[in-house]
């Protein structure tokens, strides 16, 4: 009985950890894409100035 409860709690904690990691990765991807977008915009500006 206790073994099943412990196993269920462990599975739940594992699920929570995976969800947390997924959220963290999504936030990181958003940050990186925003950075890339800014860099592209600056490159376009620099190119326009050079021409």
PDB file of N, CA and C in Angstrom:
ATOM      1  N   UNK A   1       0.835  -1.203   0.000  1.00  0.00           N
ATOM      2  CA  UNK A   1       0.000   0.000   0.000  1.00  0.00           C
ATOM      3  C   UNK A   1       0.875   1.261   0.000  1.00  0.00           C
ATOM      4  N   UNK A   2       1.773   1.346   0.966  1.00  0.00           N
ATOM      5  CA  UNK A   2       2.661   2.506   1.062  1.00  0.00           C
ATOM      6  C   UNK A   2       3.556   2.631  -0.166  1.00  0.00           C
ATOM      7  N   UNK A   3       3.939   1.495  -0.706  1.00  0.00           N
ATOM      8  CA  UNK A   3       4.811   1.484  -1.871  1.00  0.00           C
ATOM      9  C   UNK A   3       4.133   2.157  -3.065  1.00  0.00           C
ATOM     10  N   UNK A   4       2.856   1.835  -3.242  1.00  0.00           N
ATOM     11  CA  UNK A   4       2.104   2.441  -4.345  1.00  0.00           C
ATOM     12  C   UNK A   4       1.967   3.946  -4.170  1.00  0.00           C
ATOM     13  N   UNK A   5       1.739   4.354  -2.943  1.00  0.00           N
ATOM     14  CA  UNK A   5       1.606   5.782  -2.641  1.00  0.00           C
ATOM     15  C   UNK A   5       2.921   6.499  -2.935  1.00  0.00           C
ATOM     16  N   UNK A   6       4.017   5.904  -2.495  1.00  0.00           N
ATOM     17  CA  UNK A   6       5.334   6.500  -2.722  1.00  0.00           C
ATOM     18  C   UNK A   6       5.621   6.585  -4.215  1.00  0.00           C
ATOM     19  N   UNK A   7       5.246   5.525  -4.930  1.00  0.00           N
ATOM     20  CA  UNK A   7       5.485   5.503  -6.380  1.00  0.00           C
ATOM     21  C   UNK A   7       4.655   6.587  -7.080  1.00  0.00           C
ATOM     22  N   UNK A   8       3.427   6.749  -6.639  1.00  0.00           N
ATOM     23  CA  UNK A   8       2.547   7.756  -7.228  1.00  0.00           C
ATOM     24  C   UNK A   8       3.089   9.162  -6.971  1.00  0.00           C
ATOM     25  N   UNK A   9       3.560   9.380  -5.735  1.00  0.00           N
ATOM     26  CA  UNK A   9       4.111  10.701  -5.404  1.00  0.00           C
ATOM     27  C   UNK A   9       5.373  10.988  -6.206  1.00  0.00           C
ATOM     28  N   UNK A  10       6.194   9.962  -6.389  1.00  0.00           N
ATOM     29  CA  UNK A  10       7.426  10.127  -7.160  1.00  0.00           C
ATOM     30  C   UNK A  10       7.099  10.472  -8.613  1.00  0.00           C
ATOM     31  N   UNK A  11       6.119   9.783  -9.175  1.00  0.00           N
ATOM     32  CA  UNK A  11       5.712  10.039 -10.557  1.00  0.00           C
ATOM     33  C   UNK A  11       5.176  11.462 -10.691  1.00  0.00           C
ATOM     34  N   UNK A  12       4.438  11.888  -9.678  1.00  0.00           N
ATOM     35  CA  UNK A  12       3.881  13.247  -9.704  1.00  0.00           C
ATOM     36  C   UNK A  12       4.987  14.298  -9.659  1.00  0.00           C
ATOM     37  N   UNK A  13       5.975  14.057  -8.774  1.00  0.00           N
ATOM     38  CA  UNK A  13       7.103  14.998  -8.686  1.00  0.00           C
ATOM     39  C   UNK A  13       7.882  15.050  -9.993  1.00  0.00           C
ATOM     40  N   UNK A  14       8.049  13.888 -10.619  1.00  0.00           N
ATOM     41  CA  UNK A  14       8.753  13.821 -11.889  1.00  0.00           C
ATOM     42  C   UNK A  14       7.992  14.627 -12.945  1.00  0.00           C
ATOM     43  N   UNK A  15       6.684  14.465 -12.969  1.00  0.00           N
ATOM     44  CA  UNK A  15       5.841  15.211 -13.909  1.00  0.00           C
ATOM     45  C   UNK A  15       5.965  16.706 -13.692  1.00  0.00           C
ATOM     46  N   UNK A  16       5.961  17.113 -12.426  1.00  0.00           N
ATOM     47  CA  UNK A  16       6.093  18.543 -12.107  1.00  0.00           C
ATOM     48  C   UNK A  16       7.435  19.074 -12.579  1.00  0.00           C
ATOM     49  N   UNK A  17       8.487  18.294 -12.365  1.00  0.00           N
ATOM     50  CA  UNK A  17       9.831  18.717 -12.768  1.00  0.00           C
ATOM     51  C   UNK A  17       9.900  18.874 -14.286  1.00  0.00           C
ATOM     52  N   UNK A  18       9.271  17.941 -15.001  1.00  0.00           N
ATOM     53  CA  UNK A  18       9.286  18.013 -16.462  1.00  0.00           C
ATOM     54  C   UNK A  18       8.521  19.247 -16.944  1.00  0.00           C
ATOM     55  N   UNK A  19       7.385  19.525 -16.305  1.00  0.00           N
ATOM     56  CA  UNK A  19       6.603  20.707 -16.671  1.00  0.00           C
ATOM     57  C   UNK A  19       7.413  21.984 -16.447  1.00  0.00           C
ATOM     58  N   UNK A  20       8.101  22.014 -15.305  1.00  0.00           N
ATOM     59  CA  UNK A  20       8.918  23.180 -14.968  1.00  0.00           C
ATOM     60  C   UNK A  20      10.010  23.394 -16.011  1.00  0.00           C
ATOM     61  N   UNK A  21      10.681  22.291 -16.387  1.00  0.00           N
ATOM     62  CA  UNK A  21      11.750  22.366 -17.374  1.00  0.00           C
ATOM     63  C   UNK A  21      11.219  22.853 -18.712  1.00  0.00           C
ATOM     64  N   UNK A  22      10.045  22.333 -19.080  1.00  0.00           N
ATOM     65  CA  UNK A  22       9.434  22.724 -20.345  1.00  0.00           C
ATOM     66  C   UNK A  22       9.138  24.223 -20.349  1.00  0.00           C
ATOM     67  N   UNK A  23       8.565  24.720 -19.267  1.00  0.00           N
ATOM     68  CA  UNK A  23       8.264  26.142 -19.152  1.00  0.00           C
ATOM     69  C   UNK A  23       9.528  26.979 -19.222  1.00  0.00           C
ATOM     70  N   UNK A  24      10.575  26.510 -18.569  1.00  0.00           N
ATOM     71  CA  UNK A  24      11.852  27.233 -18.560  1.00  0.00           C
ATOM     72  C   UNK A  24      12.430  27.293 -19.975  1.00  0.00           C
ATOM     73  N   UNK A  25      12.372  26.159 -20.677  1.00  0.00           N
ATOM     74  CA  UNK A  25      12.895  26.123 -22.049  1.00  0.00           C
ATOM     75  C   UNK A  25      12.097  27.022 -22.974  1.00  0.00           C
ATOM     76  N   UNK A  26      10.796  27.066 -22.784  1.00  0.00           N
ATOM     77  CA  UNK A  26       9.955  27.930 -23.615  1.00  0.00           C
ATOM     78  C   UNK A  26      10.304  29.396 -23.386  1.00  0.00           C
ATOM     79  N   UNK A  27      10.455  29.768 -22.121  1.00  0.00           N
ATOM     80  CA  UNK A  27      10.803  31.151 -21.793  1.00  0.00           C
ATOM     81  C   UNK A  27      12.163  31.510 -22.389  1.00  0.00           C
ATOM     82  N   UNK A  28      13.099  30.550 -22.323  1.00  0.00           N
ATOM     83  CA  UNK A  28      14.440  30.780 -22.868  1.00  0.00           C
ATOM     84  C   UNK A  28      14.377  30.956 -24.386  1.00  0.00           C
ATOM     85  N   UNK A  29      13.579  30.138 -25.036  1.00  0.00           N
ATOM     86  CA  UNK A  29      13.451  30.233 -26.490  1.00  0.00           C
ATOM     87  C   UNK A  29      12.853  31.580 -26.877  1.00  0.00           C
ATOM     88  N   UNK A  30      11.872  32.025 -26.099  1.00  0.00           N
ATOM     89  CA  UNK A  30      11.268  33.336 -26.387  1.00  0.00           C
ATOM     90  C   UNK A  30      12.286  34.451 -26.251  1.00  0.00           C
ATOM     91  N   UNK A  31      13.085  34.367 -25.162  1.00  0.00           N
ATOM     92  CA  UNK A  31      14.123  35.382 -24.941  1.00  0.00           C
ATOM     93  C   UNK A  31      15.121  35.393 -26.093  1.00  0.00           C
ATOM     94  N   UNK A  32      15.545  34.208 -26.496  1.00  0.00           N
ATOM     95  CA  UNK A  32      16.548  34.107 -27.559  1.00  0.00           C
ATOM     96  C   UNK A  32      15.995  34.619 -28.882  1.00  0.00           C
ATOM     97  N   UNK A  33      14.743  34.303 -29.183  1.00  0.00           N
ATOM     98  CA  UNK A  33      14.187  34.752 -30.455  1.00  0.00           C
ATOM     99  C   UNK A  33      14.002  36.270 -30.442  1.00  0.00           C
ATOM    100  N   UNK A  34      13.691  36.829 -29.265  1.00  0.00           N
ATOM    101  CA  UNK A  34      13.560  38.288 -29.167  1.00  0.00           C
ATOM    102  C   UNK A  34      14.917  38.944 -29.399  1.00  0.00           C
ATOM    103  N   UNK A  35      15.957  38.333 -28.829  1.00  0.00           N
ATOM    104  CA  UNK A  35      17.321  38.835 -29.025  1.00  0.00           C
ATOM    105  C   UNK A  35      17.707  38.772 -30.497  1.00  0.00           C
ATOM    106  N   UNK A  36      17.391  37.661 -31.140  1.00  0.00           N
ATOM    107  CA  UNK A  36      17.724  37.484 -32.555  1.00  0.00           C
ATOM    108  C   UNK A  36      16.977  38.506 -33.408  1.00  0.00           C
ATOM    109  N   UNK A  37      15.741  38.756 -33.053  1.00  0.00           N
ATOM    110  CA  UNK A  37      14.934  39.737 -33.790  1.00  0.00           C
ATOM    111  C   UNK A  37      15.564  41.123 -33.680  1.00  0.00           C
ATOM    112  N   UNK A  38      15.993  41.492 -32.479  1.00  0.00           N
ATOM    113  CA  UNK A  38      16.656  42.785 -32.267  1.00  0.00           C
ATOM    114  C   UNK A  38      17.950  42.878 -33.066  1.00  0.00           C
ATOM    115  N   UNK A  39      18.733  41.810 -33.056  1.00  0.00           N
ATOM    116  CA  UNK A  39      19.994  41.791 -33.788  1.00  0.00           C
ATOM    117  C   UNK A  39      19.748  41.963 -35.285  1.00  0.00           C
ATOM    118  N   UNK A  40      18.720  41.306 -35.802  1.00  0.00           N
ATOM    119  CA  UNK A  40      18.395  41.416 -37.225  1.00  0.00           C
ATOM    120  C   UNK A  40      17.983  42.842 -37.564  1.00  0.00           C
ATOM    121  N   UNK A  41      17.202  43.436 -36.675  1.00  0.00           N
ATOM    122  CA  UNK A  41      16.758  44.819 -36.893  1.00  0.00           C
ATOM    123  C   UNK A  41      17.955  45.767 -36.915  1.00  0.00           C
ATOM    124  N   UNK A  42      18.872  45.581 -35.995  1.00  0.00           N
ATOM    125  CA  UNK A  42      20.063  46.433 -35.952  1.00  0.00           C
ATOM    126  C   UNK A  42      20.924  46.228 -37.197  1.00  0.00           C
ATOM    127  N   UNK A  43      21.008  44.990 -37.663  1.00  0.00           N
ATOM    128  CA  UNK A  43      21.787  44.711 -38.872  1.00  0.00           C
ATOM    129  C   UNK A  43      21.157  45.412 -40.079  1.00  0.00           C
ATOM    130  N   UNK A  44      19.836  45.379 -40.152  1.00  0.00           N
ATOM    131  CA  UNK A  44      19.151  46.071 -41.259  1.00  0.00           C
ATOM    132  C   UNK A  44      19.421  47.573 -41.204  1.00  0.00           C
ATOM    133  N   UNK A  45      19.373  48.132 -40.001  1.00  0.00           N
ATOM    134  CA  UNK A  45      19.652  49.560 -39.837  1.00  0.00           C
ATOM    135  C   UNK A  45      21.079  49.890 -40.277  1.00  0.00           C
ATOM    136  N   UNK A  46      22.023  49.080 -39.813  1.00  0.00           N
ATOM    137  CA  UNK A  46      23.424  49.311 -40.159  1.00  0.00           C
ATOM    138  C   UNK A  46      23.628  49.220 -41.664  1.00  0.00           C
ATOM    139  N   UNK A  47      22.964  48.272 -42.297  1.00  0.00           N
ATOM    140  CA  UNK A  47      23.083  48.096 -43.730  1.00  0.00           C
ATOM    141  C   UNK A  47      22.497  49.311 -44.461  1.00  0.00           C
ATOM    142  N   UNK A  48      21.343  49.770 -43.985  1.00  0.00           N
ATOM    143  CA  UNK A  48      20.699  50.919 -44.597  1.00  0.00           C
ATOM    144  C   UNK A  48      21.587  52.169 -44.479  1.00  0.00           C
ATOM    145  N   UNK A  49      22.243  52.323 -43.347  1.00  0.00           N
ATOM    146  CA  UNK A  49      23.138  53.459 -43.147  1.00  0.00           C
ATOM    147  C   UNK A  49      24.347  53.376 -44.054  1.00  0.00           C
ATOM    148  N   UNK A  50      24.856  52.154 -44.273  1.00  0.00           N
ATOM    149  CA  UNK A  50      26.067  51.969 -45.066  1.00  0.00           C
ATOM    150  C   UNK A  50      25.801  52.251 -46.545  1.00  0.00           C
ATOM    151  N   UNK A  51      24.575  52.020 -46.987  1.00  0.00           N
ATOM    152  CA  UNK A  51      24.279  52.187 -48.419  1.00  0.00           C
ATOM    153  C   UNK A  51      24.118  53.650 -48.834  1.00  0.00           C
TER     154      UNK A  51
END
